[in-house]
Amino acid sequence: MDEFKLDETISKAIVDGTLKGYLQYLEERKSKKESMSVSGAYAWTKGNHIDDQVSKIGQNHNVQFKIEKAGYTWEYLQFTVSENAENYMVIVKNSRRVKKSFDDQKKKANEDNYLVNLADINTDVLKNSKQNFVVQPEQIQLELNDPEEVRAVIEGKQLNVTQKYSRFYIVTYEIDDETKFVESIQLTMPNRQTMNLELIEDLSYLIQESEYEITTEDVEPIMNEKVSDQTIFSGDSNAFGYSIPEEEKEESGN
């Protein structure tokens, strides 16, 4: 999958930004828990903290960003990576892996979903790729970061895309339900034709190399929260199947 990988310095900046942003989110949860009688709504701020730090660390590595809007008030960051005289769009999303077949779900795909429509950017490049992807019996649910994002998905509103992109990437990070640590970060490309997230590179090795280390003390403020208490996942209207490069499947002995 080398043809679709990003430069390692850019991948490292995205991973570092994700971890630093999560740490800042945990610090805010701790502060608000101590100073307020009720503070559960701050669970919605995690995506903002992560996008903010990815933008700040990424700027040192030529990762640009724009504040864009869908609907009336939901704002999000679109990151732009420029390589090989092309521009690639990158967004960062919390994901949750569900171990079940995705065949029925793909038949129900909501064509008004904004991520599904953005996946059109990848149609030609993935179609022309010589790489074969192996579908896994998993579903990936992508977190909705804001009540207005939930509304935008339900109402079928689209994201603003103000420039031409050659590729569209989603960097997914997964948080362990029990430890609350970031357990994996992966670079994926959504495929509109198959309704799968195609794994381009597993960036999890960069978590161990990062200077931003998450400890049990850091996650203490949210340790007793259940997944459903912390966030709302997109469910049927914002989910993808999952597939990996064929050579990776062969190397793992599966």
Protein backbone atom coordinates (compact mmCIF):
# COMPACT_ATOMS: atom_id res chain seq x y z
CA MET A 1 0.00 0.00 0.00
CA ASP A 2 3.01 2.31 -0.33
CA GLU A 3 1.36 4.17 -3.21
CA PHE A 4 -1.30 5.57 -0.88
CA LYS A 5 0.73 6.07 2.31
CA LEU A 6 1.42 9.58 3.58
CA ASP A 7 4.91 10.79 4.43
CA GLU A 8 5.88 9.42 7.85
CA THR A 9 6.53 12.90 9.28
CA ILE A 10 2.94 13.85 8.44
CA SER A 11 1.57 10.61 9.90
CA LYS A 12 3.58 11.25 13.07
CA ALA A 13 2.20 14.79 13.33
CA ILE A 14 -1.36 13.48 13.05
CA VAL A 15 -0.73 10.79 15.69
CA ASP A 16 0.98 13.25 18.06
CA GLY A 17 -1.87 15.74 17.59
CA THR A 18 -4.45 13.04 18.30
CA LEU A 19 -2.72 11.98 21.52
CA LYS A 20 -2.03 15.52 22.72
CA GLY A 21 -5.60 16.56 21.98
CA TYR A 22 -6.96 13.56 23.87
CA LEU A 23 -4.75 14.43 26.84
CA GLN A 24 -6.06 18.00 26.83
CA TYR A 25 -9.62 16.67 26.65
CA LEU A 26 -8.94 14.46 29.69
CA GLU A 27 -7.50 17.45 31.56
CA GLU A 28 -10.63 19.46 30.82
CA ARG A 29 -12.89 16.62 31.95
CA LYS A 30 -10.96 16.47 35.22
CA SER A 31 -11.15 20.23 35.73
CA LYS A 32 -14.87 20.44 35.00
CA LYS A 33 -15.64 17.41 37.15
CA GLU A 34 -13.96 19.14 40.08
CA SER A 35 -15.51 22.55 39.54
CA MET A 36 -19.05 21.70 38.37
CA SER A 37 -21.94 19.71 39.81
CA VAL A 38 -22.60 18.16 36.41
CA SER A 39 -20.21 18.15 33.43
CA GLY A 40 -21.09 15.16 31.25
CA ALA A 41 -21.79 17.35 28.20
CA TYR A 42 -18.07 18.01 27.93
CA ALA A 43 -17.79 14.54 26.42
CA TRP A 44 -18.77 16.21 23.16
CA THR A 45 -15.59 18.32 23.16
CA LYS A 46 -13.13 15.48 22.53
CA GLY A 47 -13.18 15.89 18.75
CA ASN A 48 -12.54 19.64 19.03
CA HIS A 49 -9.49 19.11 21.24
CA ILE A 50 -8.03 16.50 18.89
CA ASP A 51 -8.67 18.54 15.73
CA ASP A 52 -7.15 21.59 17.43
CA GLN A 53 -3.90 19.83 18.30
CA VAL A 54 -3.61 18.07 14.94
CA SER A 55 -3.91 21.50 13.32
CA LYS A 56 -1.25 23.05 15.57
CA ILE A 57 1.30 20.24 15.34
CA GLY A 58 0.51 19.64 11.67
CA GLN A 59 1.28 23.22 10.69
CA ASN A 60 4.94 22.53 11.37
CA HIS A 61 4.80 19.78 8.73
CA ASN A 62 2.88 21.58 5.99
CA VAL A 63 -0.50 20.17 7.02
CA GLN A 64 -2.98 22.96 6.33
CA PHE A 65 -6.51 23.20 7.70
CA LYS A 66 -9.78 25.01 7.16
CA ILE A 67 -12.71 25.54 9.46
CA GLU A 68 -15.74 24.39 7.50
CA LYS A 69 -19.40 24.09 8.37
CA ALA A 70 -22.32 21.80 7.67
CA GLY A 71 -25.78 22.84 8.74
CA TYR A 72 -26.17 26.02 10.76
CA THR A 73 -23.63 25.71 13.57
CA TRP A 74 -21.58 22.51 13.29
CA GLU A 75 -17.94 23.43 12.58
CA TYR A 76 -15.17 20.95 11.85
CA LEU A 77 -11.63 20.98 10.49
CA GLN A 78 -10.67 19.80 7.03
CA PHE A 79 -6.96 19.03 6.85
CA THR A 80 -5.10 19.32 3.57
CA VAL A 81 -1.91 17.41 2.84
CA SER A 82 0.00 18.39 -0.29
CA GLU A 83 2.23 15.71 -1.82
CA ASN A 84 3.34 14.94 -5.36
CA ALA A 85 1.66 18.10 -6.69
CA GLU A 86 -1.70 16.85 -5.39
CA ASN A 87 -3.95 17.80 -2.50
CA TYR A 88 -5.43 15.18 -0.17
CA MET A 89 -8.24 15.80 2.29
CA VAL A 90 -7.85 14.25 5.76
CA ILE A 91 -10.32 14.17 8.61
CA VAL A 92 -9.79 12.55 12.02
CA LYS A 93 -12.54 10.45 13.60
CA ASN A 94 -13.00 8.29 16.66
CA SER A 95 -14.11 4.83 15.60
CA ARG A 96 -15.65 1.79 17.17
CA ARG A 97 -15.18 -1.68 15.76
CA VAL A 98 -18.16 -4.02 15.79
CA LYS A 99 -17.56 -7.70 15.11
CA LYS A 100 -20.34 -8.59 12.71
CA SER A 101 -21.04 -9.11 9.03
CA PHE A 102 -21.56 -5.94 7.04
CA ASP A 103 -23.34 -7.44 4.03
CA ASP A 104 -26.84 -6.37 5.04
CA GLN A 105 -25.66 -2.95 6.16
CA LYS A 106 -24.11 -2.16 2.79
CA LYS A 107 -27.50 -2.65 1.16
CA LYS A 108 -28.96 -0.02 3.49
CA ALA A 109 -26.27 2.61 2.91
CA ASN A 110 -27.60 6.13 3.20
CA GLU A 111 -26.55 7.95 0.03
CA ASP A 112 -27.18 11.30 1.70
CA ASN A 113 -24.52 10.58 4.29
CA TYR A 114 -21.75 13.18 4.01
CA LEU A 115 -18.89 10.66 4.39
CA VAL A 116 -20.40 8.44 1.72
CA ASN A 117 -20.49 11.35 -0.68
CA LEU A 118 -16.93 12.42 0.13
CA ALA A 119 -15.85 8.86 -0.60
CA ASP A 120 -16.60 9.63 -4.26
CA ILE A 121 -13.23 11.42 -4.31
CA ASN A 122 -11.53 8.01 -4.03
CA THR A 123 -13.57 6.14 -6.62
CA ASP A 124 -11.21 6.50 -9.58
CA VAL A 125 -7.93 6.15 -7.68
CA LEU A 126 -9.06 2.97 -5.90
CA LYS A 127 -10.59 1.54 -9.06
CA ASN A 128 -7.30 1.99 -10.90
CA SER A 129 -5.20 0.59 -8.07
CA LYS A 130 -3.65 -2.84 -8.53
CA GLN A 131 -4.05 -3.49 -4.82
CA ASN A 132 -6.60 -6.08 -3.75
CA PHE A 133 -8.41 -5.59 -0.46
CA VAL A 134 -9.77 -8.40 1.68
CA VAL A 135 -13.09 -7.71 3.37
CA GLN A 136 -13.18 -8.40 7.10
CA PRO A 137 -16.26 -9.47 9.11
CA GLU A 138 -16.33 -6.15 10.93
CA GLN A 139 -18.24 -2.91 10.91
CA ILE A 140 -16.63 0.43 11.73
CA GLN A 141 -18.85 3.00 13.40
CA LEU A 142 -17.56 6.57 13.25
CA GLU A 143 -18.25 8.91 16.14
CA LEU A 144 -20.37 12.00 15.69
CA ASN A 145 -18.63 14.82 17.53
CA ASP A 146 -21.42 17.31 18.08
CA PRO A 147 -25.22 17.38 18.40
CA GLU A 148 -25.31 19.51 15.27
CA GLU A 149 -23.30 16.88 13.41
CA VAL A 150 -25.94 14.35 14.41
CA ARG A 151 -28.58 16.67 12.97
CA ALA A 152 -26.56 17.22 9.81
CA VAL A 153 -26.37 13.45 9.22
CA ILE A 154 -30.07 12.91 9.95
CA GLU A 155 -31.07 15.76 7.64
CA GLY A 156 -28.63 14.70 4.92
CA LYS A 157 -26.67 17.96 4.91
CA GLN A 158 -23.38 17.98 3.05
CA LEU A 159 -19.92 19.18 4.02
CA ASN A 160 -18.48 22.19 2.25
CA VAL A 161 -15.56 21.24 -0.02
CA THR A 162 -14.02 24.37 -1.50
CA GLN A 163 -11.09 22.91 -3.41
CA LYS A 164 -10.31 19.90 -5.54
CA TYR A 165 -8.83 16.86 -3.82
CA SER A 166 -7.21 13.79 -5.37
CA ARG A 167 -7.79 11.57 -2.34
CA PHE A 168 -9.88 11.53 0.82
CA TYR A 169 -8.47 9.93 3.96
CA ILE A 170 -10.05 9.21 7.33
CA VAL A 171 -7.60 8.76 10.19
CA THR A 172 -9.46 6.61 12.71
CA TYR A 173 -8.47 6.29 16.34
CA GLU A 174 -9.94 3.71 18.69
CA ILE A 175 -10.28 4.13 22.44
CA ASP A 176 -10.42 0.97 24.54
CA ASP A 177 -13.75 0.70 26.36
CA GLU A 178 -12.13 -0.44 29.61
CA THR A 179 -8.72 1.26 29.83
CA LYS A 180 -9.79 4.46 27.99
CA PHE A 181 -6.37 4.48 26.28
CA VAL A 182 -6.00 5.15 22.56
CA GLU A 183 -5.29 1.60 21.41
CA SER A 184 -4.92 2.10 17.66
CA ILE A 185 -4.68 4.79 14.99
CA GLN A 186 -5.12 3.86 11.33
CA LEU A 187 -4.95 5.63 8.00
CA THR A 188 -7.91 4.59 5.84
CA MET A 189 -9.60 5.54 2.57
CA PRO A 190 -13.39 5.13 2.30
CA ASN A 191 -14.50 3.26 -0.81
CA ARG A 192 -17.90 4.36 -2.13
CA GLN A 193 -18.33 1.30 -4.33
CA THR A 194 -17.80 -1.28 -1.60
CA MET A 195 -18.86 0.85 1.40
CA ASN A 196 -15.63 -0.24 3.12
CA LEU A 197 -12.87 1.63 4.87
CA GLU A 198 -9.76 0.41 3.10
CA LEU A 199 -6.79 0.18 5.48
CA ILE A 200 -3.85 2.05 3.99
CA GLU A 201 -1.46 1.97 6.96
CA ASP A 202 -1.65 1.02 10.61
CA LEU A 203 -0.11 3.99 12.43
CA SER A 204 -0.40 2.43 15.88
CA TYR A 205 3.36 1.94 16.14
CA LEU A 206 3.68 5.73 16.33
CA ILE A 207 1.66 5.75 19.57
CA GLN A 208 4.56 4.07 21.38
CA GLU A 209 7.06 6.46 19.81
CA SER A 210 5.11 9.59 20.71
CA GLU A 211 6.20 11.95 23.48
CA TYR A 212 2.54 12.28 24.50
CA GLU A 213 1.93 9.38 26.87
CA ILE A 214 -1.48 8.70 28.38
CA THR A 215 -1.47 7.30 31.93
CA THR A 216 -4.07 5.71 34.18
CA GLU A 217 -4.13 8.94 36.17
CA ASP A 218 -5.01 10.90 33.02
CA VAL A 219 -8.05 8.73 32.22
CA GLU A 220 -9.35 8.57 35.79
CA PRO A 221 -12.05 11.26 35.23
CA ILE A 222 -13.83 9.10 32.61
CA MET A 223 -13.03 5.60 33.87
CA ASN A 224 -16.58 4.94 35.12
CA GLU A 225 -18.29 6.16 31.96
CA LYS A 226 -19.79 3.70 29.54
CA VAL A 227 -19.31 4.18 25.82
CA SER A 228 -22.93 5.17 25.40
CA ASP A 229 -22.50 7.84 28.08
CA GLN A 230 -19.51 9.45 26.41
CA THR A 231 -20.58 9.72 22.85
CA ILE A 232 -23.15 8.96 20.21
CA PHE A 233 -22.07 6.75 17.36
CA SER A 234 -23.46 7.08 13.91
CA GLY A 235 -24.90 3.61 13.68
CA ASP A 236 -26.54 2.60 10.43
CA SER A 237 -26.29 5.97 8.71
CA ASN A 238 -22.56 6.51 9.14
CA ALA A 239 -20.94 3.08 9.24
CA PHE A 240 -18.55 1.28 6.92
CA GLY A 241 -17.29 -2.22 6.45
CA TYR A 242 -13.56 -2.80 6.88
CA SER A 243 -10.97 -4.31 4.57
CA ILE A 244 -7.20 -4.80 4.64
CA PRO A 245 -4.56 -5.15 1.92
CA GLU A 246 -4.27 -8.70 0.66
CA GLU A 247 -0.55 -8.98 1.40
CA GLU A 248 -1.18 -8.02 5.03
CA LYS A 249 -3.69 -10.83 5.33
CA GLU A 250 -1.16 -13.29 3.89
CA GLU A 251 1.63 -12.11 6.20
CA SER A 252 -0.57 -12.51 9.27
CA GLY A 253 -1.28 -16.12 8.34
CA ASN A 254 -5.04 -15.64 8.19
